[in-house]
C-alpha atoms as a PDB file:
ATOM      1  CA  MET A   1      -9.987 -32.205 -58.652  1.00  0.00           C
ATOM      2  CA  SER A   2      -9.303 -35.244 -56.435  1.00  0.00           C
ATOM      3  CA  ARG A   3      -8.018 -34.953 -52.843  1.00  0.00           C
ATOM      4  CA  SER A   4      -4.632 -36.350 -53.939  1.00  0.00           C
ATOM      5  CA  HIS A   5      -4.173 -33.523 -56.435  1.00  0.00           C
ATOM      6  CA  ARG A   6      -4.789 -30.486 -54.187  1.00  0.00           C
ATOM      7  CA  PRO A   7      -2.547 -27.484 -54.924  1.00  0.00           C
ATOM      8  CA  LEU A   8       0.731 -27.444 -52.969  1.00  0.00           C
ATOM      9  CA  ALA A   9      -0.154 -24.151 -51.240  1.00  0.00           C
ATOM     10  CA  SER A  10      -3.289 -25.600 -49.676  1.00  0.00           C
ATOM     11  CA  VAL A  11      -1.361 -28.659 -48.425  1.00  0.00           C
ATOM     12  CA  VAL A  12       1.276 -26.433 -46.761  1.00  0.00           C
ATOM     13  CA  ALA A  13      -1.401 -24.219 -45.142  1.00  0.00           C
ATOM     14  CA  ALA A  14      -3.203 -27.259 -43.736  1.00  0.00           C
ATOM     15  CA  ALA A  15       0.028 -28.673 -42.320  1.00  0.00           C
ATOM     16  CA  ALA A  16       0.926 -25.352 -40.680  1.00  0.00           C
ATOM     17  CA  ALA A  17      -2.504 -25.090 -39.079  1.00  0.00           C
ATOM     18  CA  ALA A  18      -2.226 -28.614 -37.734  1.00  0.00           C
ATOM     19  CA  LEU A  19       1.212 -27.824 -36.272  1.00  0.00           C
ATOM     20  CA  LEU A  20      -0.032 -24.677 -34.558  1.00  0.00           C
ATOM     21  CA  CYS A  21      -3.003 -26.465 -33.068  1.00  0.00           C
ATOM     22  CA  SER A  22      -0.930 -29.333 -31.747  1.00  0.00           C
ATOM     23  CA  ALA A  23       1.649 -26.972 -30.193  1.00  0.00           C
ATOM     24  CA  ALA A  24      -0.857 -24.766 -28.368  1.00  0.00           C
ATOM     25  CA  PRO A  25      -1.368 -25.665 -24.654  1.00  0.00           C
ATOM     26  CA  SER A  26      -4.789 -26.852 -23.626  1.00  0.00           C
ATOM     27  CA  ALA A  27      -6.965 -24.195 -22.000  1.00  0.00           C
ATOM     28  CA  ALA A  28      -7.686 -26.658 -19.228  1.00  0.00           C
ATOM     29  CA  SER A  29      -3.982 -27.323 -18.495  1.00  0.00           C
ATOM     30  CA  PRO A  30      -2.941 -25.910 -15.080  1.00  0.00           C
ATOM     31  CA  LEU A  31      -0.312 -23.179 -15.033  1.00  0.00           C
ATOM     32  CA  PRO A  32       3.025 -24.194 -13.535  1.00  0.00           C
ATOM     33  CA  ASP A  33       3.134 -23.571  -9.785  1.00  0.00           C
ATOM     34  CA  THR A  34       6.052 -22.679  -7.575  1.00  0.00           C
ATOM     35  CA  ALA A  35       6.613 -23.825  -4.042  1.00  0.00           C
ATOM     36  CA  CYS A  36       5.754 -21.403  -1.255  1.00  0.00           C
ATOM     37  CA  THR A  37       8.467 -21.857   1.347  1.00  0.00           C
ATOM     38  CA  ALA A  38       8.533 -18.607   3.340  1.00  0.00           C
ATOM     39  CA  PRO A  39       8.608 -19.064   7.122  1.00  0.00           C
ATOM     40  CA  ALA A  40       6.093 -17.524   9.510  1.00  0.00           C
ATOM     41  CA  GLY A  41       6.471 -13.748   9.620  1.00  0.00           C
ATOM     42  CA  PRO A  42       6.104 -11.328  12.543  1.00  0.00           C
ATOM     43  CA  TYR A  43       2.518 -10.552  11.486  1.00  0.00           C
ATOM     44  CA  GLN A  44       1.487 -14.147  10.860  1.00  0.00           C
ATOM     45  CA  ARG A  45      -1.461 -14.224  13.255  1.00  0.00           C
ATOM     46  CA  PRO A  46      -3.127 -10.986  12.060  1.00  0.00           C
ATOM     47  CA  MET A  47      -2.788 -12.144   8.464  1.00  0.00           C
ATOM     48  CA  GLU A  48      -4.237 -15.583   9.303  1.00  0.00           C
ATOM     49  CA  LYS A  49      -7.205 -13.913  10.962  1.00  0.00           C
ATOM     50  CA  HIS A  50      -7.766 -11.528   8.065  1.00  0.00           C
ATOM     51  CA  LEU A  51      -7.607 -14.313   5.488  1.00  0.00           C
ATOM     52  CA  GLY A  52      -9.894 -16.674   7.410  1.00  0.00           C
ATOM     53  CA  LEU A  53      -7.139 -19.193   8.139  1.00  0.00           C
ATOM     54  CA  PRO A  54      -6.565 -21.109  11.392  1.00  0.00           C
ATOM     55  CA  VAL A  55      -4.967 -18.572  13.745  1.00  0.00           C
ATOM     56  CA  ASP A  56      -2.030 -20.468  15.211  1.00  0.00           C
ATOM     57  CA  GLY A  57       0.978 -18.383  14.217  1.00  0.00           C
ATOM     58  CA  ARG A  58       2.483 -21.305  12.327  1.00  0.00           C
ATOM     59  CA  GLN A  59       3.131 -21.152   8.616  1.00  0.00           C
ATOM     60  CA  SER A  60       1.496 -23.916   6.566  1.00  0.00           C
ATOM     61  CA  ASP A  61       1.567 -24.365   2.826  1.00  0.00           C
ATOM     62  CA  ALA A  62      -2.018 -23.062   2.655  1.00  0.00           C
ATOM     63  CA  ASP A  63      -1.114 -20.037   4.811  1.00  0.00           C
ATOM     64  CA  CYS A  64       1.923 -19.227   2.676  1.00  0.00           C
ATOM     65  CA  ARG A  65      -0.036 -19.418  -0.567  1.00  0.00           C
ATOM     66  CA  ALA A  66      -2.918 -17.320   0.788  1.00  0.00           C
ATOM     67  CA  ILE A  67      -0.554 -14.606   2.069  1.00  0.00           C
ATOM     68  CA  ARG A  68       1.345 -14.672  -1.220  1.00  0.00           C
ATOM     69  CA  ALA A  69      -1.901 -14.267  -3.142  1.00  0.00           C
ATOM     70  CA  PHE A  70      -2.835 -11.280  -0.944  1.00  0.00           C
ATOM     71  CA  GLN A  71       0.573  -9.704  -1.508  1.00  0.00           C
ATOM     72  CA  THR A  72       0.225 -10.153  -5.262  1.00  0.00           C
ATOM     73  CA  GLU A  73      -3.282  -8.645  -5.285  1.00  0.00           C
ATOM     74  CA  ARG A  74      -2.048  -5.640  -3.306  1.00  0.00           C
ATOM     75  CA  SER A  75       1.054  -5.207  -5.509  1.00  0.00           C
ATOM     76  CA  ARG A  76       3.541  -5.782  -2.715  1.00  0.00           C
ATOM     77  CA  PRO A  77       7.107  -5.682  -4.084  1.00  0.00           C
ATOM     78  CA  HIS A  78       8.135  -9.178  -2.904  1.00  0.00           C
ATOM     79  CA  PRO A  79       5.106 -11.518  -2.907  1.00  0.00           C
ATOM     80  CA  ASP A  80       6.629 -14.549  -1.225  1.00  0.00           C
ATOM     81  CA  GLY A  81       4.128 -15.421   1.522  1.00  0.00           C
ATOM     82  CA  PHE A  82       6.168 -13.882   4.373  1.00  0.00           C
ATOM     83  CA  ALA A  83       3.899 -11.818   6.654  1.00  0.00           C
ATOM     84  CA  ASP A  84       6.101  -8.728   7.055  1.00  0.00           C
ATOM     85  CA  LEU A  85       5.258  -5.219   8.194  1.00  0.00           C
ATOM     86  CA  GLY A  86       4.384  -3.962   4.710  1.00  0.00           C
ATOM     87  CA  THR A  87       1.950  -6.815   4.202  1.00  0.00           C
ATOM     88  CA  TYR A  88       0.334  -6.120   7.572  1.00  0.00           C
ATOM     89  CA  ARG A  89      -0.032  -2.426   6.774  1.00  0.00           C
ATOM     90  CA  ALA A  90      -1.635  -3.294   3.433  1.00  0.00           C
ATOM     91  CA  MET A  91      -4.097  -5.457   5.352  1.00  0.00           C
ATOM     92  CA  LEU A  92      -4.966  -2.545   7.650  1.00  0.00           C
ATOM     93  CA  VAL A  93      -5.768  -0.442   4.589  1.00  0.00           C
ATOM     94  CA  VAL A  94      -8.104  -3.137   3.282  1.00  0.00           C
ATOM     95  CA  GLU A  95      -9.883  -3.477   6.602  1.00  0.00           C
ATOM     96  CA  ALA A  96     -10.225   0.285   7.074  1.00  0.00           C
ATOM     97  CA  THR A  97     -11.384   1.113   3.551  1.00  0.00           C
ATOM     98  CA  PRO A  98     -15.168   0.630   4.070  1.00  0.00           C
ATOM     99  CA  ASN A  99     -15.193   3.250   6.854  1.00  0.00           C
ATOM    100  CA  PRO A 100     -11.816   4.483   8.140  1.00  0.00           C
ATOM    101  CA  ASN A 101     -13.478   6.824  10.628  1.00  0.00           C
ATOM    102  CA  ALA A 102     -15.788   4.199  12.116  1.00  0.00           C
ATOM    103  CA  ALA A 103     -14.523   5.074  15.620  1.00  0.00           C
ATOM    104  CA  GLY A 104     -15.359   8.744  15.019  1.00  0.00           C
ATOM    105  CA  THR A 105     -11.905   9.919  16.158  1.00  0.00           C
ATOM    106  CA  CYS A 106     -11.264  12.284  13.270  1.00  0.00           C
ATOM    107  CA  PRO A 107     -13.449  15.418  13.452  1.00  0.00           C
ATOM    108  CA  VAL A 108     -16.190  15.818  10.875  1.00  0.00           C
ATOM    109  CA  GLU A 109     -16.152  19.362   9.464  1.00  0.00           C
ATOM    110  CA  SER A 110     -17.649  21.085   6.455  1.00  0.00           C
ATOM    111  CA  GLY A 111     -14.220  21.545   4.860  1.00  0.00           C
ATOM    112  CA  ARG A 112     -11.515  18.994   4.107  1.00  0.00           C
ATOM    113  CA  VAL A 113      -9.820  17.298   7.051  1.00  0.00           C
ATOM    114  CA  THR A 114      -6.692  15.170   6.555  1.00  0.00           C
ATOM    115  CA  CYS A 115      -6.922  12.452   9.193  1.00  0.00           C
ATOM    116  CA  VAL A 116      -3.607  11.016  10.456  1.00  0.00           C
ATOM    117  CA  ASP A 117      -4.223   7.885  12.530  1.00  0.00           C
ATOM    118  CA  MET A 118      -0.900   7.053  14.169  1.00  0.00           C
ATOM    119  CA  ASP A 119      -2.312   3.979  15.914  1.00  0.00           C
ATOM    120  CA  ARG A 120      -2.977   2.230  12.599  1.00  0.00           C
ATOM    121  CA  GLN A 121      -0.464   4.256  10.550  1.00  0.00           C
ATOM    122  CA  LEU A 122      -3.160   5.321   8.118  1.00  0.00           C
ATOM    123  CA  LEU A 123      -4.129   8.602   6.451  1.00  0.00           C
ATOM    124  CA  TRP A 124      -7.306   9.611   4.698  1.00  0.00           C
ATOM    125  CA  VAL A 125      -9.087  12.853   3.760  1.00  0.00           C
ATOM    126  CA  GLN A 126     -12.733  13.446   4.522  1.00  0.00           C
ATOM    127  CA  LYS A 127     -15.081  16.293   3.716  1.00  0.00           C
ATOM    128  CA  GLY A 128     -17.999  16.100   6.054  1.00  0.00           C
ATOM    129  CA  LYS A 129     -18.583  12.387   6.453  1.00  0.00           C
ATOM    130  CA  LYS A 130     -17.473  11.561   2.904  1.00  0.00           C
ATOM    131  CA  VAL A 131     -13.988  10.076   2.442  1.00  0.00           C
ATOM    132  CA  VAL A 132     -12.450  11.741  -0.629  1.00  0.00           C
ATOM    133  CA  PHE A 133      -8.958  10.200  -0.455  1.00  0.00           C
ATOM    134  CA  GLY A 134      -7.525   7.007   1.018  1.00  0.00           C
ATOM    135  CA  PRO A 135      -7.066   5.422   3.380  1.00  0.00           C
ATOM    136  CA  VAL A 136      -3.385   4.916   2.519  1.00  0.00           C
ATOM    137  CA  PRO A 137      -0.436   3.658   4.581  1.00  0.00           C
ATOM    138  CA  ILE A 138       1.896   6.184   6.189  1.00  0.00           C
ATOM    139  CA  ARG A 139       4.966   6.345   8.408  1.00  0.00           C
ATOM    140  CA  THR A 140       4.989   8.826  11.290  1.00  0.00           C
ATOM    141  CA  GLY A 141       7.762   9.892  13.668  1.00  0.00           C
ATOM    142  CA  ARG A 142      10.080   7.456  15.405  1.00  0.00           C
ATOM    143  CA  ASP A 143      10.570   7.271  19.181  1.00  0.00           C
ATOM    144  CA  ALA A 144      11.667  10.661  20.595  1.00  0.00           C
ATOM    145  CA  GLN A 145      10.792  12.338  17.270  1.00  0.00           C
ATOM    146  CA  GLU A 146       7.081  11.607  17.240  1.00  0.00           C
ATOM    147  CA  THR A 147       4.681  13.427  14.968  1.00  0.00           C
ATOM    148  CA  ARG A 148       2.915  16.001  17.110  1.00  0.00           C
ATOM    149  CA  PRO A 149      -0.782  15.245  17.681  1.00  0.00           C
ATOM    150  CA  GLY A 150      -3.562  17.810  17.507  1.00  0.00           C
ATOM    151  CA  ARG A 151      -5.419  20.007  15.038  1.00  0.00           C
ATOM    152  CA  HIS A 152      -3.152  21.834  12.596  1.00  0.00           C
ATOM    153  CA  LEU A 153      -3.446  23.884   9.402  1.00  0.00           C
ATOM    154  CA  ILE A 154      -1.332  23.566   6.274  1.00  0.00           C
ATOM    155  CA  TYR A 155       0.703  26.772   6.231  1.00  0.00           C
ATOM    156  CA  TRP A 156       3.309  26.139   3.493  1.00  0.00           C
ATOM    157  CA  ARG A 157       3.596  23.893   0.452  1.00  0.00           C
ATOM    158  CA  ASP A 158       6.729  23.066  -1.536  1.00  0.00           C
ATOM    159  CA  ARG A 159       6.493  20.536  -4.362  1.00  0.00           C
ATOM    160  CA  ASP A 160      10.252  19.881  -4.641  1.00  0.00           C
ATOM    161  CA  HIS A 161      11.381  20.437  -1.066  1.00  0.00           C
ATOM    162  CA  VAL A 162      14.677  19.062   0.263  1.00  0.00           C
ATOM    163  CA  SER A 163      15.490  18.831   3.963  1.00  0.00           C
ATOM    164  CA  THR A 164      17.798  21.463   5.409  1.00  0.00           C
ATOM    165  CA  LEU A 165      18.236  19.339   8.557  1.00  0.00           C
ATOM    166  CA  TYR A 166      18.841  15.820   7.182  1.00  0.00           C
ATOM    167  CA  ASP A 167      21.537  15.906   4.481  1.00  0.00           C
ATOM    168  CA  ASN A 168      19.331  17.401   1.768  1.00  0.00           C
ATOM    169  CA  ALA A 169      17.002  14.400   1.881  1.00  0.00           C
ATOM    170  CA  PRO A 170      14.286  14.729  -0.766  1.00  0.00           C
ATOM    171  CA  MET A 171      10.825  15.586   0.551  1.00  0.00           C
ATOM    172  CA  PRO A 172       8.651  15.693  -2.588  1.00  0.00           C
ATOM    173  CA  TYR A 173       5.160  17.207  -2.374  1.00  0.00           C
ATOM    174  CA  SER A 174       5.756  18.692   1.101  1.00  0.00           C
ATOM    175  CA  GLN A 175       2.797  20.238   2.865  1.00  0.00           C
ATOM    176  CA  PHE A 176       3.870  21.687   6.199  1.00  0.00           C
ATOM    177  CA  PHE A 177       1.371  21.718   9.066  1.00  0.00           C
ATOM    178  CA  ASP A 178       3.373  22.132  12.327  1.00  0.00           C
ATOM    179  CA  GLY A 179       6.865  23.621  12.525  1.00  0.00           C
ATOM    180  CA  GLY A 180       9.143  21.429  10.428  1.00  0.00           C
ATOM    181  CA  GLN A 181       6.639  18.592  10.255  1.00  0.00           C
ATOM    182  CA  ALA A 182       5.001  17.966   6.905  1.00  0.00           C
ATOM    183  CA  LEU A 183       3.032  15.511   4.836  1.00  0.00           C
ATOM    184  CA  HIS A 184       5.401  14.411   2.067  1.00  0.00           C
ATOM    185  CA  GLY A 185       6.502  11.599  -0.204  1.00  0.00           C
ATOM    186  CA  HIS A 186       9.219   9.181   0.843  1.00  0.00           C
ATOM    187  CA  PRO A 187      11.165   7.924  -2.206  1.00  0.00           C
ATOM    188  CA  GLY A 188      12.441   4.779  -0.470  1.00  0.00           C
ATOM    189  CA  ASP A 189      10.831   1.931   1.415  1.00  0.00           C
ATOM    190  CA  LEU A 190       7.999   3.296   3.540  1.00  0.00           C
ATOM    191  CA  TYR A 191       8.687   0.604   6.150  1.00  0.00           C
ATOM    192  CA  ASP A 192      12.448   0.913   6.606  1.00  0.00           C
ATOM    193  CA  GLY A 193      13.776   2.013   9.959  1.00  0.00           C
ATOM    194  CA  GLY A 194      11.728   2.814  13.027  1.00  0.00           C
ATOM    195  CA  GLY A 195       9.903   5.811  11.592  1.00  0.00           C
ATOM    196  CA  SER A 196      10.374   9.311  10.230  1.00  0.00           C
ATOM    197  CA  ALA A 197      11.976  12.261  11.979  1.00  0.00           C
ATOM    198  CA  GLY A 198       8.505  13.607  12.725  1.00  0.00           C
ATOM    199  CA  CYS A 199       6.982  14.085   9.305  1.00  0.00           C
ATOM    200  CA  VAL A 200       4.105  12.031   7.915  1.00  0.00           C
ATOM    201  CA  ASN A 201       5.636   9.959   5.125  1.00  0.00           C
ATOM    202  CA  LEU A 202       3.581   8.626   2.229  1.00  0.00           C
ATOM    203  CA  THR A 203       4.570   6.840  -0.960  1.00  0.00           C
ATOM    204  CA  VAL A 204       5.531   9.387  -3.611  1.00  0.00           C
ATOM    205  CA  ASP A 205       2.490   8.437  -5.684  1.00  0.00           C
ATOM    206  CA  ASP A 206       0.117   8.974  -2.741  1.00  0.00           C
ATOM    207  CA  ALA A 207       1.851  12.238  -1.803  1.00  0.00           C
ATOM    208  CA  ALA A 208       1.394  13.528  -5.366  1.00  0.00           C
ATOM    209  CA  LYS A 209      -2.312  12.761  -5.287  1.00  0.00           C
ATOM    210  CA  LEU A 210      -2.642  14.414  -1.877  1.00  0.00           C
ATOM    211  CA  TRP A 211      -0.823  17.500  -3.202  1.00  0.00           C
ATOM    212  CA  ASP A 212      -3.365  17.854  -5.980  1.00  0.00           C
ATOM    213  CA  LEU A 213      -6.238  17.592  -3.505  1.00  0.00           C
ATOM    214  CA  LEU A 214      -5.206  19.840  -0.604  1.00  0.00           C
ATOM    215  CA  ALA A 215      -4.581  23.570  -0.264  1.00  0.00           C
ATOM    216  CA  LEU A 216      -3.230  26.117   2.206  1.00  0.00           C
ATOM    217  CA  ASP A 217      -5.233  26.356   5.442  1.00  0.00           C
ATOM    218  CA  ASP A 218      -6.656  22.848   5.073  1.00  0.00           C
ATOM    219  CA  VAL A 219      -6.980  21.014   8.401  1.00  0.00           C
ATOM    220  CA  VAL A 220      -4.611  18.194   9.393  1.00  0.00           C
ATOM    221  CA  TYR A 221      -5.754  16.248  12.455  1.00  0.00           C
ATOM    222  CA  VAL A 222      -3.265  13.902  14.115  1.00  0.00           C
ATOM    223  CA  TRP A 223      -3.941  11.456  16.943  1.00  0.00           C
ATOM    224  CA  GLY A 224      -2.793   8.183  18.477  1.00  0.00           C
ATOM    225  CA  VAL A 225       0.593   6.593  19.089  1.00  0.00           C
ATOM    226  CA  LYS A 226       2.848   5.000  16.501  1.00  0.00           C
ATOM    227  CA  PRO A 227       3.438   1.329  17.420  1.00  0.00           C
ATOM    228  CA  GLY A 228       6.877   0.935  18.944  1.00  0.00           C
ATOM    229  CA  THR A 229       7.131   4.474  20.333  1.00  0.00           C
ATOM    230  CA  ALA A 230       6.499   5.838  23.782  1.00  0.00           C
ATOM    231  CA  GLY A 231       3.968   8.332  22.423  1.00  0.00           C
END
């Protein structure tokens, strides 16, 4: 059969394939980009240093895009290039991850120790020298309601606790270690306000994982001073 007498079905199939091929974008074509216009944030300099950028505290297009890429990688809720507190705390987690206890401040014991570093607002769990959870960001007590430092033991756990002091505020995965102070999930923004009322707040997801790991009589060791408080 000659080319001019091909069956109609084959002609239609060839035309459809050609249309699909012509409509598909080239693999080498760049993806559309959006402008990065966020101003310099309060943690501009620490983020510039962490990302290997010129440390001048001034937002450039390159700075904005690098910070935005970091926020996206760390799943920050609003990746716009603005160096806010949440972005800074995510950076502290990254920097601490290789060895959060490099300074040796948290005691090394044979059992589990939950380390609460108020200076950096970080929490991790170690057993001996091995880190078995974290580090993760936290929020400790605000000025005049600081989380109490020292060595404590978990004495009560309540998965679905609600506060009897603060308008029935939810405190999921509560693990109490000193009076009314507990490790627990915070359903809202971990970085809103000046701090907790003394508890150690975690994201709900992190608090759930911590709940599954810890048990009664586990050690909680707290030290340092939350930035912005008198200690």
